[in-house]
């Protein structure tokens, strides 16, 4: 089970933590990744290609094995996110939920340079 964070800051609750993208630079350290942290990328309301671009930006700065969860409302994400993950070798699962599409992505450490 994955716990959601409060809107103001991330919390350390078992088994996972969520970090809001707004605070990513503040808390993204190797120490943080040792605690099974899941990065939440909220792309709800954004249209193609922005959900994938936000996902790419976050994955770029993460160590291999880091987990990211993307929320999107644009139906094109059902095609774009899996294509992006396959192209870069990331592991992913997608979930079509009533309020948003949810993608769980594990970074494999691609060099995006």
C-alpha atoms as a PDB file:
ATOM      1  CA  UNK A   1       0.000   0.000   0.000  1.00  0.00           C
ATOM      2  CA  UNK A   2       1.303   3.461  -0.899  1.00  0.00           C
ATOM      3  CA  UNK A   3       0.499   6.425   1.323  1.00  0.00           C
ATOM      4  CA  UNK A   4      -0.168   9.871  -0.105  1.00  0.00           C
ATOM      5  CA  UNK A   5       1.587  12.890   1.334  1.00  0.00           C
ATOM      6  CA  UNK A   6       0.125  16.003   2.795  1.00  0.00           C
ATOM      7  CA  UNK A   7       0.092  18.998   0.469  1.00  0.00           C
ATOM      8  CA  UNK A   8       2.742  20.954   2.359  1.00  0.00           C
ATOM      9  CA  UNK A   9       5.651  18.501   2.791  1.00  0.00           C
ATOM     10  CA  UNK A  10       6.609  14.883   2.385  1.00  0.00           C
ATOM     11  CA  UNK A  11       6.164  12.473   5.234  1.00  0.00           C
ATOM     12  CA  UNK A  12       7.933   9.263   6.114  1.00  0.00           C
ATOM     13  CA  UNK A  13       5.166   6.713   6.455  1.00  0.00           C
ATOM     14  CA  UNK A  14       5.480   3.017   5.735  1.00  0.00           C
ATOM     15  CA  UNK A  15       5.935   1.465   3.325  1.00  0.00           C
ATOM     16  CA  UNK A  16       6.449   4.378   0.906  1.00  0.00           C
ATOM     17  CA  UNK A  17       6.753   8.134   0.967  1.00  0.00           C
ATOM     18  CA  UNK A  18       5.457  10.440  -1.711  1.00  0.00           C
ATOM     19  CA  UNK A  19       7.349  13.579  -2.596  1.00  0.00           C
ATOM     20  CA  UNK A  20       5.492  16.314  -4.371  1.00  0.00           C
ATOM     21  CA  UNK A  21       7.325  17.538  -7.482  1.00  0.00           C
ATOM     22  CA  UNK A  22       7.360  21.067  -6.084  1.00  0.00           C
ATOM     23  CA  UNK A  23       9.828  19.938  -3.409  1.00  0.00           C
ATOM     24  CA  UNK A  24      11.937  17.607  -5.537  1.00  0.00           C
ATOM     25  CA  UNK A  25      15.124  19.724  -5.482  1.00  0.00           C
ATOM     26  CA  UNK A  26      14.881  20.204  -1.735  1.00  0.00           C
ATOM     27  CA  UNK A  27      14.674  16.551  -0.737  1.00  0.00           C
ATOM     28  CA  UNK A  28      16.143  14.502  -3.570  1.00  0.00           C
ATOM     29  CA  UNK A  29      19.236  12.924  -2.117  1.00  0.00           C
ATOM     30  CA  UNK A  30      20.670   9.422  -2.066  1.00  0.00           C
ATOM     31  CA  UNK A  31      19.586   9.180   1.593  1.00  0.00           C
ATOM     32  CA  UNK A  32      16.002   9.863   0.582  1.00  0.00           C
ATOM     33  CA  UNK A  33      16.084   7.086  -2.013  1.00  0.00           C
ATOM     34  CA  UNK A  34      17.222   4.567   0.616  1.00  0.00           C
ATOM     35  CA  UNK A  35      13.815   4.877   2.297  1.00  0.00           C
ATOM     36  CA  UNK A  36      11.635   3.493  -0.545  1.00  0.00           C
ATOM     37  CA  UNK A  37      10.478   6.939  -1.594  1.00  0.00           C
ATOM     38  CA  UNK A  38       8.036   7.200  -4.474  1.00  0.00           C
ATOM     39  CA  UNK A  39       8.084  10.469  -6.408  1.00  0.00           C
ATOM     40  CA  UNK A  40       4.578  11.647  -7.294  1.00  0.00           C
ATOM     41  CA  UNK A  41       4.306  13.553 -10.588  1.00  0.00           C
ATOM     42  CA  UNK A  42       0.876  15.152 -10.843  1.00  0.00           C
ATOM     43  CA  UNK A  43       0.207  15.876 -14.517  1.00  0.00           C
ATOM     44  CA  UNK A  44      -3.580  15.938 -14.211  1.00  0.00           C
ATOM     45  CA  UNK A  45      -5.091  18.576 -16.480  1.00  0.00           C
ATOM     46  CA  UNK A  46      -2.032  18.704 -18.745  1.00  0.00           C
ATOM     47  CA  UNK A  47      -2.271  17.688 -22.381  1.00  0.00           C
ATOM     48  CA  UNK A  48       0.150  15.752 -24.560  1.00  0.00           C
ATOM     49  CA  UNK A  49       3.166  15.876 -24.493  1.00  0.00           C
ATOM     50  CA  UNK A  50       3.467  17.540 -21.071  1.00  0.00           C
ATOM     51  CA  UNK A  51       2.875  14.456 -18.864  1.00  0.00           C
ATOM     52  CA  UNK A  52       5.752  12.606 -20.569  1.00  0.00           C
ATOM     53  CA  UNK A  53       7.993  15.668 -20.464  1.00  0.00           C
ATOM     54  CA  UNK A  54       7.394  16.077 -16.718  1.00  0.00           C
ATOM     55  CA  UNK A  55       8.105  12.374 -16.200  1.00  0.00           C
ATOM     56  CA  UNK A  56      11.336  12.599 -18.222  1.00  0.00           C
ATOM     57  CA  UNK A  57      12.501  15.660 -16.279  1.00  0.00           C
ATOM     58  CA  UNK A  58      12.055  13.875 -12.953  1.00  0.00           C
ATOM     59  CA  UNK A  59      13.583  10.569 -14.087  1.00  0.00           C
ATOM     60  CA  UNK A  60      16.626  12.427 -15.405  1.00  0.00           C
ATOM     61  CA  UNK A  61      17.801  13.349 -11.917  1.00  0.00           C
ATOM     62  CA  UNK A  62      17.018  10.092 -10.125  1.00  0.00           C
ATOM     63  CA  UNK A  63      19.326   7.177  -9.372  1.00  0.00           C
ATOM     64  CA  UNK A  64      18.659   3.738 -10.883  1.00  0.00           C
ATOM     65  CA  UNK A  65      15.854   1.896  -9.102  1.00  0.00           C
ATOM     66  CA  UNK A  66      13.989   5.061  -8.100  1.00  0.00           C
ATOM     67  CA  UNK A  67      10.213   4.864  -8.368  1.00  0.00           C
ATOM     68  CA  UNK A  68       7.965   7.515  -9.860  1.00  0.00           C
ATOM     69  CA  UNK A  69       4.193   7.575  -9.954  1.00  0.00           C
ATOM     70  CA  UNK A  70       2.609   9.705 -12.674  1.00  0.00           C
ATOM     71  CA  UNK A  71      -1.015  10.871 -12.528  1.00  0.00           C
ATOM     72  CA  UNK A  72      -2.523  12.091 -15.806  1.00  0.00           C
ATOM     73  CA  UNK A  73      -5.973  12.840 -17.172  1.00  0.00           C
ATOM     74  CA  UNK A  74      -5.037  13.117 -20.848  1.00  0.00           C
ATOM     75  CA  UNK A  75      -6.021   9.841 -22.556  1.00  0.00           C
ATOM     76  CA  UNK A  76      -3.034  10.199 -24.908  1.00  0.00           C
ATOM     77  CA  UNK A  77      -0.851   9.278 -21.911  1.00  0.00           C
ATOM     78  CA  UNK A  78      -2.103   5.692 -22.335  1.00  0.00           C
ATOM     79  CA  UNK A  79      -0.070   5.608 -25.546  1.00  0.00           C
ATOM     80  CA  UNK A  80       2.715   8.094 -24.781  1.00  0.00           C
ATOM     81  CA  UNK A  81       3.937   6.942 -21.362  1.00  0.00           C
ATOM     82  CA  UNK A  82       4.308   3.248 -22.289  1.00  0.00           C
ATOM     83  CA  UNK A  83       6.067   4.231 -25.545  1.00  0.00           C
ATOM     84  CA  UNK A  84       8.470   6.482 -23.614  1.00  0.00           C
ATOM     85  CA  UNK A  85       9.174   3.787 -21.019  1.00  0.00           C
ATOM     86  CA  UNK A  86       9.768   1.103 -23.647  1.00  0.00           C
ATOM     87  CA  UNK A  87      12.057   3.405 -25.642  1.00  0.00           C
ATOM     88  CA  UNK A  88      14.234   4.045 -22.563  1.00  0.00           C
ATOM     89  CA  UNK A  89      13.910   0.620 -20.946  1.00  0.00           C
ATOM     90  CA  UNK A  90      12.065   1.773 -17.830  1.00  0.00           C
ATOM     91  CA  UNK A  91       9.833  -0.712 -16.062  1.00  0.00           C
ATOM     92  CA  UNK A  92       6.226   0.460 -15.776  1.00  0.00           C
ATOM     93  CA  UNK A  93       2.686  -0.506 -14.890  1.00  0.00           C
ATOM     94  CA  UNK A  94      -0.415   1.437 -15.872  1.00  0.00           C
ATOM     95  CA  UNK A  95      -3.729   1.685 -14.048  1.00  0.00           C
ATOM     96  CA  UNK A  96      -6.864   3.202 -15.566  1.00  0.00           C
ATOM     97  CA  UNK A  97      -8.685   4.593 -12.543  1.00  0.00           C
ATOM     98  CA  UNK A  98     -11.927   6.622 -12.601  1.00  0.00           C
ATOM     99  CA  UNK A  99     -10.349   9.930 -11.570  1.00  0.00           C
ATOM    100  CA  UNK A 100      -7.007   9.686 -13.419  1.00  0.00           C
ATOM    101  CA  UNK A 101      -4.613   7.444 -15.251  1.00  0.00           C
ATOM    102  CA  UNK A 102      -1.852   6.214 -12.964  1.00  0.00           C
ATOM    103  CA  UNK A 103       1.552   4.975 -14.093  1.00  0.00           C
ATOM    104  CA  UNK A 104       4.113   3.389 -11.777  1.00  0.00           C
ATOM    105  CA  UNK A 105       7.585   3.752 -13.326  1.00  0.00           C
ATOM    106  CA  UNK A 106      10.929   2.414 -12.094  1.00  0.00           C
ATOM    107  CA  UNK A 107      14.015   4.260 -13.338  1.00  0.00           C
ATOM    108  CA  UNK A 108      16.686   2.049 -14.861  1.00  0.00           C
ATOM    109  CA  UNK A 109      19.347   4.776 -14.970  1.00  0.00           C
ATOM    110  CA  UNK A 110      19.246   6.001 -18.569  1.00  0.00           C
ATOM    111  CA  UNK A 111      21.664   8.734 -19.614  1.00  0.00           C
ATOM    112  CA  UNK A 112      19.467  11.375 -21.309  1.00  0.00           C
ATOM    113  CA  UNK A 113      22.348  13.560 -22.484  1.00  0.00           C
END
